[in-house]
Protein backbone atom coordinates (compact mmCIF):
# COMPACT_ATOMS: atom_id res chain seq x y z
CA MET A 1 3.70 8.96 15.73
CA SER A 2 2.79 4.89 16.17
CA ASP A 3 1.59 5.84 19.79
CA PHE A 4 -0.80 8.87 18.65
CA PHE A 5 -2.24 6.73 15.85
CA ARG A 6 -2.86 4.36 18.22
CA ALA A 7 -4.28 6.74 20.90
CA LEU A 8 -6.67 8.01 18.19
CA GLY A 9 -7.64 4.67 16.97
CA LYS A 10 -8.57 3.86 20.23
CA GLN A 11 -10.94 7.26 20.64
CA ILE A 12 -12.70 5.89 17.43
CA LYS A 13 -12.90 2.34 18.66
CA LEU A 14 -14.67 3.51 21.68
CA LEU A 15 -16.78 6.00 19.92
CA ARG A 16 -18.10 3.68 17.67
CA GLU A 17 -19.12 0.86 20.36
CA ARG A 18 -20.80 3.65 22.06
CA ALA A 19 -23.00 4.32 19.17
CA GLY A 20 -23.60 0.31 18.50
CA MET A 21 -21.93 -0.23 15.41
CA THR A 22 -19.64 -2.89 14.06
CA GLN A 23 -16.23 -2.18 12.06
CA LYS A 24 -18.46 -2.96 9.19
CA GLU A 25 -21.00 -0.80 9.35
CA LEU A 26 -19.02 2.15 9.89
CA GLY A 27 -16.42 0.83 7.09
CA ASN A 28 -20.17 0.91 4.76
CA GLN A 29 -20.84 4.00 5.77
CA VAL A 30 -17.59 5.78 5.20
CA GLY A 31 -16.37 4.24 2.58
CA TYR A 32 -13.52 1.93 4.10
CA THR A 33 -13.31 -2.10 4.38
CA GLU A 34 -14.08 -3.65 7.52
CA ALA A 35 -10.14 -4.66 7.76
CA MET A 36 -9.55 -0.62 7.27
CA ILE A 37 -11.21 -0.06 9.89
CA GLY A 38 -9.98 -2.42 12.17
CA SER A 39 -6.15 -0.91 10.90
CA VAL A 40 -7.16 2.68 11.63
CA GLU A 41 -8.50 1.46 15.64
CA ARG A 42 -5.21 -1.05 16.22
CA GLY A 43 -3.12 2.55 14.91
CA LYS A 44 -1.74 0.64 11.86
CA ARG A 45 -2.92 3.03 9.73
CA THR A 46 -3.53 6.45 9.05
CA PRO A 47 -6.65 7.96 9.04
CA GLN A 48 -7.84 9.92 6.35
CA PRO A 49 -8.78 14.08 6.97
CA GLU A 50 -11.89 12.58 5.48
CA LEU A 51 -12.87 9.79 7.68
CA LEU A 52 -12.22 11.75 11.08
CA ASP A 53 -14.97 14.26 9.78
CA ALA A 54 -17.59 11.03 8.49
CA ALA A 55 -16.77 9.31 11.68
CA ASP A 56 -17.17 12.27 13.72
CA LYS A 57 -20.37 13.02 12.17
CA LEU A 58 -21.61 9.17 12.55
CA LEU A 59 -20.58 8.81 15.83
CA ASN A 60 -21.41 12.17 17.37
CA ALA A 61 -18.14 12.71 18.57
CA GLY A 62 -18.76 16.88 18.77
CA GLY A 63 -15.66 17.52 17.14
CA LEU A 64 -13.26 15.02 18.70
CA LEU A 65 -11.92 13.22 16.01
CA SER A 66 -12.38 15.99 13.60
CA ILE A 67 -10.02 18.53 15.42
CA ALA A 68 -7.33 15.86 15.03
CA LYS A 69 -6.97 16.58 11.61
CA ASP A 70 -4.09 18.80 11.63
CA ASP A 71 -1.96 16.95 14.11
CA VAL A 72 -2.19 13.80 11.57
CA GLN A 73 -1.22 15.94 9.09
CA GLN A 74 1.94 17.07 10.82
CA ALA A 75 2.35 13.60 11.74
CA LYS A 76 2.50 12.49 8.31
CA ALA A 77 5.03 15.06 7.26
CA LYS A 78 7.27 13.72 9.93
CA ALA A 79 6.76 10.33 8.87
CA ARG A 80 7.99 11.16 5.48
CA VAL A 81 11.11 12.40 6.24
CA ARG A 82 11.59 8.95 7.76
CA HIS A 83 12.73 7.27 4.32
CA PRO A 84 16.10 6.71 3.05
CA ALA A 85 17.31 9.49 1.61
CA TRP A 86 17.38 7.99 -2.12
CA PHE A 87 14.00 7.16 -1.66
CA ARG A 88 12.47 10.63 -0.51
CA ASP A 89 11.78 12.05 -3.88
CA TYR A 90 10.19 9.33 -4.79
CA ALA A 91 7.81 9.03 -1.74
CA GLY A 92 6.90 12.27 -2.19
CA LEU A 93 5.50 11.91 -5.73
CA GLU A 94 4.06 9.23 -4.59
CA ALA A 95 1.49 10.93 -2.18
CA GLU A 96 0.69 12.86 -4.82
CA ALA A 97 -0.34 10.60 -7.57
CA VAL A 98 -3.58 10.53 -9.18
CA GLU A 99 -2.31 7.01 -10.85
CA LEU A 100 0.30 4.69 -10.08
CA HIS A 101 1.18 1.27 -12.13
CA ASP A 102 4.09 -0.72 -10.38
CA TYR A 103 5.23 -4.02 -11.91
CA SER A 104 7.23 -6.23 -9.18
CA THR A 105 9.47 -8.96 -9.90
CA LEU A 106 11.21 -9.52 -6.35
CA LEU A 107 9.06 -8.29 -3.75
CA ILE A 108 5.28 -7.53 -2.96
CA PRO A 109 5.11 -3.95 -3.75
CA GLY A 110 5.49 -1.67 -0.66
CA LEU A 111 1.61 -0.17 -0.51
CA LEU A 112 0.37 -3.73 -0.52
CA GLN A 113 2.66 -5.11 2.27
CA THR A 114 1.07 -5.79 5.55
CA GLU A 115 3.07 -4.76 8.90
CA ALA A 116 4.14 -7.89 9.31
CA HIS A 117 5.71 -8.70 6.48
CA ALA A 118 7.22 -5.22 5.93
CA ARG A 119 8.65 -5.96 9.51
CA ALA A 120 9.97 -9.22 8.51
CA LEU A 121 11.89 -7.75 5.40
CA TYR A 122 13.31 -5.09 6.94
CA GLU A 123 14.45 -7.56 9.78
CA MET A 124 16.54 -9.72 6.93
CA ARG A 125 18.32 -7.07 5.80
CA GLN A 126 21.88 -6.72 5.38
CA PRO A 127 23.56 -5.68 7.10
CA LEU A 128 21.48 -5.77 9.78
CA LEU A 129 19.12 -2.55 10.90
CA SER A 130 19.04 -1.95 14.46
CA GLU A 131 15.29 -2.08 16.42
CA GLU A 132 15.00 1.31 16.53
CA VAL A 133 15.45 1.75 12.73
CA ILE A 134 13.54 -1.17 11.84
CA GLU A 135 10.41 0.55 13.45
CA ILE A 136 10.77 4.05 12.08
CA ARG A 137 11.03 1.91 8.55
CA VAL A 138 7.96 -0.26 9.29
CA SER A 139 6.18 2.85 10.46
CA ALA A 140 6.87 5.26 7.34
CA ARG A 141 5.98 2.11 5.04
CA LEU A 142 2.62 1.59 6.77
CA ALA A 143 2.07 5.54 6.50
CA ARG A 144 2.73 6.01 2.74
CA GLN A 145 -0.15 3.34 2.45
CA GLU A 146 -2.56 5.76 3.01
CA ILE A 147 -3.37 6.98 -0.47
CA LEU A 148 -4.64 3.72 -0.51
CA THR A 149 -7.78 5.28 1.28
CA ARG A 150 -8.08 8.52 0.16
CA TRP A 151 -10.69 9.83 -1.61
CA PRO A 152 -11.02 10.34 -4.35
CA ARG A 153 -9.28 7.34 -5.05
CA ALA A 154 -6.11 7.23 -7.56
CA MET A 155 -5.85 4.98 -10.36
CA PHE A 156 -3.78 1.78 -9.47
CA SER A 157 -2.78 -1.27 -11.05
CA TRP A 158 0.06 -3.62 -9.88
CA VAL A 159 1.51 -6.66 -11.89
CA ILE A 160 3.29 -9.17 -9.51
CA ASP A 161 5.63 -11.94 -10.90
CA GLU A 162 4.20 -15.42 -9.64
CA SER A 163 7.42 -16.30 -7.97
CA VAL A 164 6.90 -13.21 -5.34
CA LEU A 165 3.69 -15.22 -4.26
CA ARG A 166 5.64 -18.41 -4.27
CA ARG A 167 8.43 -17.07 -2.03
CA PRO A 168 7.18 -17.19 2.08
CA LEU A 169 9.58 -14.73 3.34
CA GLY A 170 9.01 -14.63 7.06
CA GLY A 171 7.44 -17.78 7.16
CA TRP A 172 3.83 -19.26 6.45
CA ALA A 173 1.67 -17.45 8.82
CA ILE A 174 3.11 -13.80 7.82
CA HIS A 175 3.18 -15.36 4.19
CA SER A 176 -0.35 -16.24 4.18
CA GLU A 177 -1.43 -12.80 5.50
CA GLN A 178 0.11 -11.09 2.97
CA LEU A 179 -1.88 -13.51 0.12
CA ARG A 180 -4.92 -12.20 2.08
CA ARG A 181 -4.22 -8.75 1.93
CA LEU A 182 -3.69 -9.21 -1.89
CA LEU A 183 -6.95 -10.74 -2.27
CA GLU A 184 -8.48 -7.47 -0.38
CA VAL A 185 -6.99 -5.31 -2.43
CA GLY A 186 -7.92 -6.85 -5.70
CA GLN A 187 -11.36 -6.86 -4.98
CA THR A 188 -11.56 -3.28 -3.91
CA ARG A 189 -13.12 -0.74 -6.88
CA GLY A 190 -10.58 0.95 -8.54
CA MET A 191 -7.73 -1.33 -7.64
CA VAL A 192 -6.34 -4.20 -10.33
CA VAL A 193 -4.10 -6.89 -9.15
CA GLN A 194 -2.70 -9.14 -11.88
CA ILE A 195 -0.17 -12.04 -11.66
CA LEU A 196 2.44 -12.79 -14.28
CA PRO A 197 2.64 -17.13 -14.30
CA LEU A 198 5.94 -18.51 -14.09
CA ASP A 199 4.95 -20.83 -17.29
CA ARG A 200 4.99 -17.91 -19.89
CA THR A 201 7.31 -18.03 -22.25
CA GLU A 202 7.36 -13.97 -23.52
CA HIS A 203 7.99 -11.86 -20.39
CA ALA A 204 8.52 -8.02 -21.22
CA GLY A 205 10.01 -7.31 -17.52
CA MET A 206 13.03 -9.34 -17.75
CA GLY A 207 14.83 -5.94 -17.60
CA GLY A 208 13.54 -5.46 -13.74
CA SER A 209 10.74 -3.87 -11.57
CA PHE A 210 9.68 -0.67 -12.26
CA LYS A 211 6.61 2.13 -11.47
CA LEU A 212 4.82 4.53 -13.20
CA LEU A 213 3.19 7.48 -11.46
CA THR A 214 0.91 10.54 -12.45
CA PRO A 215 1.36 13.34 -9.57
CA LYS A 216 -1.68 15.57 -9.84
CA GLY A 217 -1.24 18.13 -12.21
CA ARG A 218 2.19 16.55 -13.35
CA PRO A 219 3.17 14.40 -16.28
CA GLN A 220 3.85 10.89 -15.89
CA THR A 221 7.03 10.01 -14.60
CA GLY A 222 8.66 6.57 -14.24
CA TYR A 223 10.68 5.37 -11.07
CA ILE A 224 13.41 2.35 -11.36
CA GLU A 225 15.67 1.29 -7.92
CA VAL A 226 18.35 -1.20 -7.66
CA GLN A 227 19.93 -1.65 -4.19
CA THR A 228 20.05 1.83 -2.90
CA SER A 229 20.23 3.04 -5.75
CA SER A 230 17.19 4.94 -7.31
CA ARG A 231 16.17 6.94 -10.19
CA LEU A 232 13.26 8.83 -11.47
CA ILE A 233 12.65 9.37 -15.01
CA THR A 234 11.01 12.33 -16.68
CA ASP A 235 12.17 12.49 -19.99
CA GLN A 236 8.69 11.36 -21.76
CA ASP A 237 10.35 9.27 -24.76
CA GLU A 238 11.89 6.43 -21.98
CA VAL A 239 8.25 6.76 -20.09
CA ARG A 240 6.49 6.16 -23.11
CA ILE A 241 8.46 3.35 -23.77
CA MET A 242 8.08 1.97 -19.99
CA ASN A 243 4.18 2.41 -21.04
CA ALA A 244 4.25 0.24 -23.44
CA ARG A 245 6.46 -2.27 -21.79
CA TYR A 246 3.66 -2.05 -18.89
CA GLY A 247 0.76 -3.04 -21.33
CA THR A 248 2.41 -5.74 -22.80
CA LEU A 249 3.21 -7.39 -19.13
CA ARG A 250 -0.48 -6.75 -18.08
CA ALA A 251 -1.54 -8.60 -21.64
CA GLN A 252 0.61 -11.64 -20.53
CA ALA A 253 -0.32 -11.57 -16.99
CA LEU A 254 -3.36 -13.30 -16.10
CA THR A 255 -6.61 -11.23 -15.74
CA PRO A 256 -7.65 -9.69 -12.46
CA HIS A 257 -9.93 -12.60 -11.86
CA GLU A 258 -7.81 -15.50 -12.76
CA SER A 259 -5.26 -13.81 -10.72
CA LEU A 260 -7.24 -13.65 -7.37
CA SER A 261 -7.90 -17.37 -8.29
CA LEU A 262 -4.54 -18.29 -8.36
CA ILE A 263 -3.96 -16.12 -4.56
CA GLU A 264 -7.07 -18.22 -3.39
CA LYS A 265 -5.31 -21.48 -4.59
CA MET A 266 -2.36 -20.74 -2.99
CA LEU A 267 -3.99 -20.41 0.20
CA GLY A 268 -5.69 -23.73 -0.10
CA GLU A 269 -2.48 -25.58 -0.76
CA ARG A 270 -1.51 -25.18 3.08
């Protein structure tokens, strides 16, 4: 799958350069950021069908890019089976989500992880994973992130404990890139990143991390995981309680603007 996306990304880059456009110029016209266009051209992000169609017209590709849409969909389907068995049910719902909210107390949420950060996490996993499995898992995690570029865009929000941002997993070079990724997401329309600071004397999330997602045309669902066990929560009374808890966490967290300022301050500390 990664070889296919790299080849497709090279085609997009070649056509863009022939058209005399920068990544930023192309991104502005198709609704992507400059960084996202760069990731697509390097084969690190999955190009959405809408991007392929728009780029095909803008770059006068004559159908070369649009014709790849079916192959992209097939590659995405294969990627979905590469998740651990205990995670697959959630991954399927996440791909359909029109609304997703995430409280994280230990890790950068998977949808926001850079490739280097994700790889570092899998490399330190115990018991050790083989290099082949690491590559499969990293590829699958990055493929999940395509939901962030889909249009119409789902509603996203994340509340992340400050302790997560203070732990430079993988080393400072990887961590600083990850912090900059959080800044990029937090500055994107329709996405909200909030940091729950360490100095709070009240904390509604001491029970651990959880997610709330709403698949298209279906009721909101909760999700929790511990170690290699997971649980989808469909009981609406439980989901209602999780919703109330998440609302309190957002109220206890820094505002989105304050959160981005804190991340910028962390980056300036090195």
